[in-house]
Amino acid sequence: VGITVSKKLGHAVVRNRIRRRFREVYRLNEEKFLPGYDIVVVARSRAVDAPFAALEKGYLDLAKRAGILRAEAEA
């Protein structure tokens, strides 16, 4: 998983918090992803103030649309 956060989103503390939150979303849901894929996350401005549940839902929705979730995780 690669996570990129632009300097436009805030100072280092803010950018690192966003990175940590996205890494945690992946860590908690790692078993739901198919192996063999590289995932690149580009954080947008709404990620700064978004609650963790919203980040997780968006992350998994996009993974489902990309077809990289296991079949049993999509149900």
PDB file of N, CA and C in Angstrom:
ATOM      1  N   VAL A   1       0.860  -1.176   0.000  1.00  0.00           N
ATOM      2  CA  VAL A   1       0.000   0.000   0.000  1.00  0.00           C
ATOM      3  C   VAL A   1       0.897   1.226   0.000  1.00  0.00           C
ATOM      4  N   GLY A   2       0.635   2.141  -0.919  1.00  0.00           N
ATOM      5  CA  GLY A   2       1.334   3.408  -0.954  1.00  0.00           C
ATOM      6  C   GLY A   2       0.344   4.525  -0.691  1.00  0.00           C
ATOM      7  N   ILE A   3       0.719   5.435   0.180  1.00  0.00           N
ATOM      8  CA  ILE A   3      -0.184   6.531   0.547  1.00  0.00           C
ATOM      9  C   ILE A   3       0.539   7.841   0.288  1.00  0.00           C
ATOM     10  N   THR A   4      -0.097   8.715  -0.473  1.00  0.00           N
ATOM     11  CA  THR A   4       0.492  10.016  -0.748  1.00  0.00           C
ATOM     12  C   THR A   4      -0.455  11.111  -0.263  1.00  0.00           C
ATOM     13  N   VAL A   5       0.136  12.103   0.395  1.00  0.00           N
ATOM     14  CA  VAL A   5      -0.637  13.222   0.942  1.00  0.00           C
ATOM     15  C   VAL A   5       0.078  14.512   0.555  1.00  0.00           C
ATOM     16  N   SER A   6      -0.613  15.385  -0.139  1.00  0.00           N
ATOM     17  CA  SER A   6      -0.035  16.636  -0.613  1.00  0.00           C
ATOM     18  C   SER A   6       0.198  17.618   0.534  1.00  0.00           C
ATOM     19  N   LYS A   7       1.179  18.479   0.367  1.00  0.00           N
ATOM     20  CA  LYS A   7       1.435  19.529   1.357  1.00  0.00           C
ATOM     21  C   LYS A   7       0.279  20.520   1.437  1.00  0.00           C
ATOM     22  N   LYS A   8      -0.563  20.528   0.430  1.00  0.00           N
ATOM     23  CA  LYS A   8      -1.725  21.420   0.427  1.00  0.00           C
ATOM     24  C   LYS A   8      -2.719  21.068   1.527  1.00  0.00           C
ATOM     25  N   LEU A   9      -2.641  19.830   2.048  1.00  0.00           N
ATOM     26  CA  LEU A   9      -3.612  19.385   3.048  1.00  0.00           C
ATOM     27  C   LEU A   9      -3.266  19.845   4.454  1.00  0.00           C
ATOM     28  N   GLY A  10      -2.054  20.321   4.663  1.00  0.00           N
ATOM     29  CA  GLY A  10      -1.699  20.817   5.991  1.00  0.00           C
ATOM     30  C   GLY A  10      -0.242  20.563   6.307  1.00  0.00           C
ATOM     31  N   HIS A  11       0.118  20.881   7.533  1.00  0.00           N
ATOM     32  CA  HIS A  11       1.493  20.687   7.994  1.00  0.00           C
ATOM     33  C   HIS A  11       1.771  19.206   8.210  1.00  0.00           C
ATOM     34  N   ALA A  12       2.998  18.893   8.571  1.00  0.00           N
ATOM     35  CA  ALA A  12       3.446  17.509   8.700  1.00  0.00           C
ATOM     36  C   ALA A  12       2.579  16.701   9.667  1.00  0.00           C
ATOM     37  N   VAL A  13       2.164  17.313  10.753  1.00  0.00           N
ATOM     38  CA  VAL A  13       1.351  16.599  11.739  1.00  0.00           C
ATOM     39  C   VAL A  13       0.034  16.131  11.114  1.00  0.00           C
ATOM     40  N   VAL A  14      -0.591  16.989  10.355  1.00  0.00           N
ATOM     41  CA  VAL A  14      -1.868  16.674   9.701  1.00  0.00           C
ATOM     42  C   VAL A  14      -1.665  15.600   8.644  1.00  0.00           C
ATOM     43  N   ARG A  15      -0.623  15.760   7.828  1.00  0.00           N
ATOM     44  CA  ARG A  15      -0.362  14.781   6.763  1.00  0.00           C
ATOM     45  C   ARG A  15      -0.051  13.403   7.342  1.00  0.00           C
ATOM     46  N   ASN A  16       0.742  13.367   8.402  1.00  0.00           N
ATOM     47  CA  ASN A  16       1.077  12.078   9.019  1.00  0.00           C
ATOM     48  C   ASN A  16      -0.137  11.421   9.665  1.00  0.00           C
ATOM     49  N   ARG A  17      -1.030  12.225  10.237  1.00  0.00           N
ATOM     50  CA  ARG A  17      -2.255  11.664  10.820  1.00  0.00           C
ATOM     51  C   ARG A  17      -3.113  11.021   9.737  1.00  0.00           C
ATOM     52  N   ILE A  18      -3.211  11.654   8.587  1.00  0.00           N
ATOM     53  CA  ILE A  18      -3.974  11.092   7.468  1.00  0.00           C
ATOM     54  C   ILE A  18      -3.350   9.770   7.021  1.00  0.00           C
ATOM     55  N   ARG A  19      -2.022   9.742   6.893  1.00  0.00           N
ATOM     56  CA  ARG A  19      -1.327   8.506   6.503  1.00  0.00           C
ATOM     57  C   ARG A  19      -1.587   7.388   7.498  1.00  0.00           C
ATOM     58  N   ARG A  20      -1.491   7.703   8.784  1.00  0.00           N
ATOM     59  CA  ARG A  20      -1.728   6.687   9.825  1.00  0.00           C
ATOM     60  C   ARG A  20      -3.140   6.140   9.754  1.00  0.00           C
ATOM     61  N   ARG A  21      -4.103   7.013   9.520  1.00  0.00           N
ATOM     62  CA  ARG A  21      -5.496   6.569   9.459  1.00  0.00           C
ATOM     63  C   ARG A  21      -5.734   5.645   8.263  1.00  0.00           C
ATOM     64  N   PHE A  22      -5.158   5.974   7.093  1.00  0.00           N
ATOM     65  CA  PHE A  22      -5.315   5.111   5.925  1.00  0.00           C
ATOM     66  C   PHE A  22      -4.591   3.785   6.108  1.00  0.00           C
ATOM     67  N   ARG A  23      -3.419   3.812   6.736  1.00  0.00           N
ATOM     68  CA  ARG A  23      -2.718   2.548   7.012  1.00  0.00           C
ATOM     69  C   ARG A  23      -3.537   1.670   7.955  1.00  0.00           C
ATOM     70  N   GLU A  24      -4.184   2.281   8.926  1.00  0.00           N
ATOM     71  CA  GLU A  24      -5.006   1.521   9.875  1.00  0.00           C
ATOM     72  C   GLU A  24      -6.239   0.935   9.186  1.00  0.00           C
ATOM     73  N   VAL A  25      -6.847   1.677   8.276  1.00  0.00           N
ATOM     74  CA  VAL A  25      -7.982   1.136   7.513  1.00  0.00           C
ATOM     75  C   VAL A  25      -7.545  -0.123   6.776  1.00  0.00           C
ATOM     76  N   TYR A  26      -6.383  -0.057   6.125  1.00  0.00           N
ATOM     77  CA  TYR A  26      -5.903  -1.235   5.396  1.00  0.00           C
ATOM     78  C   TYR A  26      -5.577  -2.372   6.360  1.00  0.00           C
ATOM     79  N   ARG A  27      -4.897  -2.064   7.463  1.00  0.00           N
ATOM     80  CA  ARG A  27      -4.503  -3.098   8.423  1.00  0.00           C
ATOM     81  C   ARG A  27      -5.710  -3.848   8.976  1.00  0.00           C
ATOM     82  N   LEU A  28      -6.771  -3.135   9.294  1.00  0.00           N
ATOM     83  CA  LEU A  28      -7.965  -3.760   9.860  1.00  0.00           C
ATOM     84  C   LEU A  28      -8.737  -4.587   8.839  1.00  0.00           C
ATOM     85  N   ASN A  29      -8.548  -4.308   7.552  1.00  0.00           N
ATOM     86  CA  ASN A  29      -9.317  -4.984   6.501  1.00  0.00           C
ATOM     87  C   ASN A  29      -8.439  -5.763   5.533  1.00  0.00           C
ATOM     88  N   GLU A  30      -7.203  -6.007   5.889  1.00  0.00           N
ATOM     89  CA  GLU A  30      -6.234  -6.628   4.980  1.00  0.00           C
ATOM     90  C   GLU A  30      -6.698  -7.978   4.448  1.00  0.00           C
ATOM     91  N   GLU A  31      -7.372  -8.759   5.277  1.00  0.00           N
ATOM     92  CA  GLU A  31      -7.817 -10.099   4.847  1.00  0.00           C
ATOM     93  C   GLU A  31      -8.919 -10.035   3.790  1.00  0.00           C
ATOM     94  N   LYS A  32      -9.545  -8.903   3.611  1.00  0.00           N
ATOM     95  CA  LYS A  32     -10.618  -8.750   2.617  1.00  0.00           C
ATOM     96  C   LYS A  32     -10.086  -8.512   1.208  1.00  0.00           C
ATOM     97  N   PHE A  33      -8.802  -8.173   1.080  1.00  0.00           N
ATOM     98  CA  PHE A  33      -8.224  -7.839  -0.215  1.00  0.00           C
ATOM     99  C   PHE A  33      -7.605  -9.068  -0.881  1.00  0.00           C
ATOM    100  N   LEU A  34      -7.710  -9.118  -2.196  1.00  0.00           N
ATOM    101  CA  LEU A  34      -7.059 -10.173  -2.958  1.00  0.00           C
ATOM    102  C   LEU A  34      -5.553  -9.939  -2.940  1.00  0.00           C
ATOM    103  N   PRO A  35      -4.760 -11.011  -2.892  1.00  0.00           N
ATOM    104  CA  PRO A  35      -3.306 -10.831  -2.903  1.00  0.00           C
ATOM    105  C   PRO A  35      -2.804 -10.474  -4.307  1.00  0.00           C
ATOM    106  N   GLY A  36      -1.625  -9.883  -4.359  1.00  0.00           N
ATOM    107  CA  GLY A  36      -0.986  -9.610  -5.636  1.00  0.00           C
ATOM    108  C   GLY A  36      -1.279  -8.258  -6.249  1.00  0.00           C
ATOM    109  N   TYR A  37      -1.886  -7.371  -5.504  1.00  0.00           N
ATOM    110  CA  TYR A  37      -2.201  -6.040  -6.034  1.00  0.00           C
ATOM    111  C   TYR A  37      -1.425  -4.974  -5.266  1.00  0.00           C
ATOM    112  N   ASP A  38      -0.999  -3.964  -5.977  1.00  0.00           N
ATOM    113  CA  ASP A  38      -0.409  -2.781  -5.352  1.00  0.00           C
ATOM    114  C   ASP A  38      -1.504  -1.726  -5.268  1.00  0.00           C
ATOM    115  N   ILE A  39      -1.661  -1.141  -4.114  1.00  0.00           N
ATOM    116  CA  ILE A  39      -2.705  -0.139  -3.895  1.00  0.00           C
ATOM    117  C   ILE A  39      -2.037   1.200  -3.631  1.00  0.00           C
ATOM    118  N   VAL A  40      -2.457   2.227  -4.362  1.00  0.00           N
ATOM    119  CA  VAL A  40      -1.947   3.578  -4.159  1.00  0.00           C
ATOM    120  C   VAL A  40      -3.119   4.456  -3.740  1.00  0.00           C
ATOM    121  N   VAL A  41      -2.989   5.080  -2.585  1.00  0.00           N
ATOM    122  CA  VAL A  41      -4.043   5.951  -2.047  1.00  0.00           C
ATOM    123  C   VAL A  41      -3.566   7.390  -2.160  1.00  0.00           C
ATOM    124  N   VAL A  42      -4.374   8.227  -2.783  1.00  0.00           N
ATOM    125  CA  VAL A  42      -4.082   9.660  -2.880  1.00  0.00           C
ATOM    126  C   VAL A  42      -5.117  10.372  -2.020  1.00  0.00           C
ATOM    127  N   ALA A  43      -4.658  10.941  -0.925  1.00  0.00           N
ATOM    128  CA  ALA A  43      -5.572  11.594   0.009  1.00  0.00           C
ATOM    129  C   ALA A  43      -6.057  12.918  -0.554  1.00  0.00           C
ATOM    130  N   ARG A  44      -7.311  13.192  -0.358  1.00  0.00           N
ATOM    131  CA  ARG A  44      -7.915  14.453  -0.785  1.00  0.00           C
ATOM    132  C   ARG A  44      -8.267  15.287   0.440  1.00  0.00           C
ATOM    133  N   SER A  45      -8.662  16.516   0.222  1.00  0.00           N
ATOM    134  CA  SER A  45      -8.881  17.448   1.328  1.00  0.00           C
ATOM    135  C   SER A  45      -9.968  16.993   2.302  1.00  0.00           C
ATOM    136  N   ARG A  46     -10.962  16.266   1.813  1.00  0.00           N
ATOM    137  CA  ARG A  46     -12.027  15.818   2.715  1.00  0.00           C
ATOM    138  C   ARG A  46     -11.545  14.780   3.726  1.00  0.00           C
ATOM    139  N   ALA A  47     -10.402  14.142   3.449  1.00  0.00           N
ATOM    140  CA  ALA A  47      -9.863  13.137   4.365  1.00  0.00           C
ATOM    141  C   ALA A  47      -9.355  13.763   5.660  1.00  0.00           C
ATOM    142  N   VAL A  48      -9.054  15.055   5.645  1.00  0.00           N
ATOM    143  CA  VAL A  48      -8.519  15.722   6.829  1.00  0.00           C
ATOM    144  C   VAL A  48      -9.535  15.693   7.967  1.00  0.00           C
ATOM    145  N   ASP A  49     -10.786  16.000   7.682  1.00  0.00           N
ATOM    146  CA  ASP A  49     -11.814  16.106   8.723  1.00  0.00           C
ATOM    147  C   ASP A  49     -12.775  14.931   8.754  1.00  0.00           C
ATOM    148  N   ALA A  50     -12.593  13.953   7.885  1.00  0.00           N
ATOM    149  CA  ALA A  50     -13.538  12.837   7.792  1.00  0.00           C
ATOM    150  C   ALA A  50     -13.410  11.917   9.004  1.00  0.00           C
ATOM    151  N   PRO A  51     -14.531  11.434   9.517  1.00  0.00           N
ATOM    152  CA  PRO A  51     -14.468  10.440  10.592  1.00  0.00           C
ATOM    153  C   PRO A  51     -13.894   9.130  10.058  1.00  0.00           C
ATOM    154  N   PHE A  52     -13.305   8.340  10.959  1.00  0.00           N
ATOM    155  CA  PHE A  52     -12.651   7.096  10.560  1.00  0.00           C
ATOM    156  C   PHE A  52     -13.613   6.168   9.822  1.00  0.00           C
ATOM    157  N   ALA A  53     -14.847   6.082  10.277  1.00  0.00           N
ATOM    158  CA  ALA A  53     -15.834   5.202   9.637  1.00  0.00           C
ATOM    159  C   ALA A  53     -16.077   5.597   8.183  1.00  0.00           C
ATOM    160  N   ALA A  54     -16.077   6.889   7.906  1.00  0.00           N
ATOM    161  CA  ALA A  54     -16.283   7.352   6.533  1.00  0.00           C
ATOM    162  C   ALA A  54     -15.074   7.006   5.657  1.00  0.00           C
ATOM    163  N   LEU A  55     -13.867   7.135   6.212  1.00  0.00           N
ATOM    164  CA  LEU A  55     -12.667   6.756   5.460  1.00  0.00           C
ATOM    165  C   LEU A  55     -12.693   5.262   5.132  1.00  0.00           C
ATOM    166  N   GLU A  56     -13.054   4.469   6.126  1.00  0.00           N
ATOM    167  CA  GLU A  56     -13.099   3.019   5.928  1.00  0.00           C
ATOM    168  C   GLU A  56     -14.141   2.629   4.886  1.00  0.00           C
ATOM    169  N   LYS A  57     -15.310   3.227   4.964  1.00  0.00           N
ATOM    170  CA  LYS A  57     -16.376   2.914   4.005  1.00  0.00           C
ATOM    171  C   LYS A  57     -15.946   3.300   2.592  1.00  0.00           C
ATOM    172  N   GLY A  58     -15.386   4.484   2.430  1.00  0.00           N
ATOM    173  CA  GLY A  58     -14.938   4.925   1.121  1.00  0.00           C
ATOM    174  C   GLY A  58     -13.832   4.045   0.564  1.00  0.00           C
ATOM    175  N   TYR A  59     -12.895   3.664   1.406  1.00  0.00           N
ATOM    176  CA  TYR A  59     -11.774   2.807   1.016  1.00  0.00           C
ATOM    177  C   TYR A  59     -12.287   1.463   0.505  1.00  0.00           C
ATOM    178  N   LEU A  60     -13.196   0.852   1.263  1.00  0.00           N
ATOM    179  CA  LEU A  60     -13.722  -0.461   0.873  1.00  0.00           C
ATOM    180  C   LEU A  60     -14.643  -0.361  -0.344  1.00  0.00           C
ATOM    181  N   ASP A  61     -15.408   0.716  -0.457  1.00  0.00           N
ATOM    182  CA  ASP A  61     -16.265   0.900  -1.635  1.00  0.00           C
ATOM    183  C   ASP A  61     -15.428   1.007  -2.905  1.00  0.00           C
ATOM    184  N   LEU A  62     -14.344   1.770  -2.827  1.00  0.00           N
ATOM    185  CA  LEU A  62     -13.468   1.913  -3.994  1.00  0.00           C
ATOM    186  C   LEU A  62     -12.763   0.594  -4.328  1.00  0.00           C
ATOM    187  N   ALA A  63     -12.373  -0.147  -3.300  1.00  0.00           N
ATOM    188  CA  ALA A  63     -11.729  -1.447  -3.541  1.00  0.00           C
ATOM    189  C   ALA A  63     -12.705  -2.409  -4.212  1.00  0.00           C
ATOM    190  N   LYS A  64     -13.958  -2.346  -3.793  1.00  0.00           N
ATOM    191  CA  LYS A  64     -14.973  -3.205  -4.409  1.00  0.00           C
ATOM    192  C   LYS A  64     -15.174  -2.824  -5.878  1.00  0.00           C
ATOM    193  N   ARG A  65     -15.253  -1.521  -6.158  1.00  0.00           N
ATOM    194  CA  ARG A  65     -15.411  -1.057  -7.537  1.00  0.00           C
ATOM    195  C   ARG A  65     -14.213  -1.446  -8.395  1.00  0.00           C
ATOM    196  N   ALA A  66     -13.031  -1.486  -7.786  1.00  0.00           N
ATOM    197  CA  ALA A  66     -11.814  -1.848  -8.521  1.00  0.00           C
ATOM    198  C   ALA A  66     -11.691  -3.363  -8.698  1.00  0.00           C
ATOM    199  N   GLY A  67     -12.512  -4.118  -7.969  1.00  0.00           N
ATOM    200  CA  GLY A  67     -12.490  -5.575  -8.098  1.00  0.00           C
ATOM    201  C   GLY A  67     -11.339  -6.241  -7.366  1.00  0.00           C
ATOM    202  N   ILE A  68     -10.855  -5.626  -6.284  1.00  0.00           N
ATOM    203  CA  ILE A  68      -9.745  -6.224  -5.553  1.00  0.00           C
ATOM    204  C   ILE A  68     -10.145  -6.759  -4.180  1.00  0.00           C
ATOM    205  N   LEU A  69     -11.449  -6.859  -3.922  1.00  0.00           N
ATOM    206  CA  LEU A  69     -11.925  -7.463  -2.690  1.00  0.00           C
ATOM    207  C   LEU A  69     -12.270  -8.929  -2.941  1.00  0.00           C
ATOM    208  N   ARG A  70     -12.040  -9.740  -1.929  1.00  0.00           N
ATOM    209  CA  ARG A  70     -12.431 -11.153  -2.023  1.00  0.00           C
ATOM    210  C   ARG A  70     -13.940 -11.248  -2.127  1.00  0.00           C
ATOM    211  N   ALA A  71     -14.426 -12.325  -2.754  1.00  0.00           N
ATOM    212  CA  ALA A  71     -15.863 -12.495  -2.973  1.00  0.00           C
ATOM    213  C   ALA A  71     -16.630 -12.546  -1.662  1.00  0.00           C
ATOM    214  N   GLU A  72     -16.102 -13.241  -0.647  1.00  0.00           N
ATOM    215  CA  GLU A  72     -16.816 -13.343   0.619  1.00  0.00           C
ATOM    216  C   GLU A  72     -16.828 -12.021   1.384  1.00  0.00           C
ATOM    217  N   ALA A  73     -15.884 -11.130   1.101  1.00  0.00           N
ATOM    218  CA  ALA A  73     -15.854  -9.822   1.769  1.00  0.00           C
ATOM    219  C   ALA A  73     -16.880  -8.882   1.167  1.00  0.00           C
ATOM    220  N   GLU A  74     -17.261  -9.091  -0.085  1.00  0.00           N
ATOM    221  CA  GLU A  74     -18.223  -8.199  -0.747  1.00  0.00           C
ATOM    222  C   GLU A  74     -19.649  -8.450  -0.303  1.00  0.00           C
ATOM    223  N   ALA A  75     -19.924  -9.648   0.167  1.00  0.00           N
ATOM    224  CA  ALA A  75     -21.307  -9.996   0.564  1.00  0.00           C
ATOM    225  C   ALA A  75     -21.725  -9.322   1.834  1.00  0.00           C
TER     226      ALA A  75
END
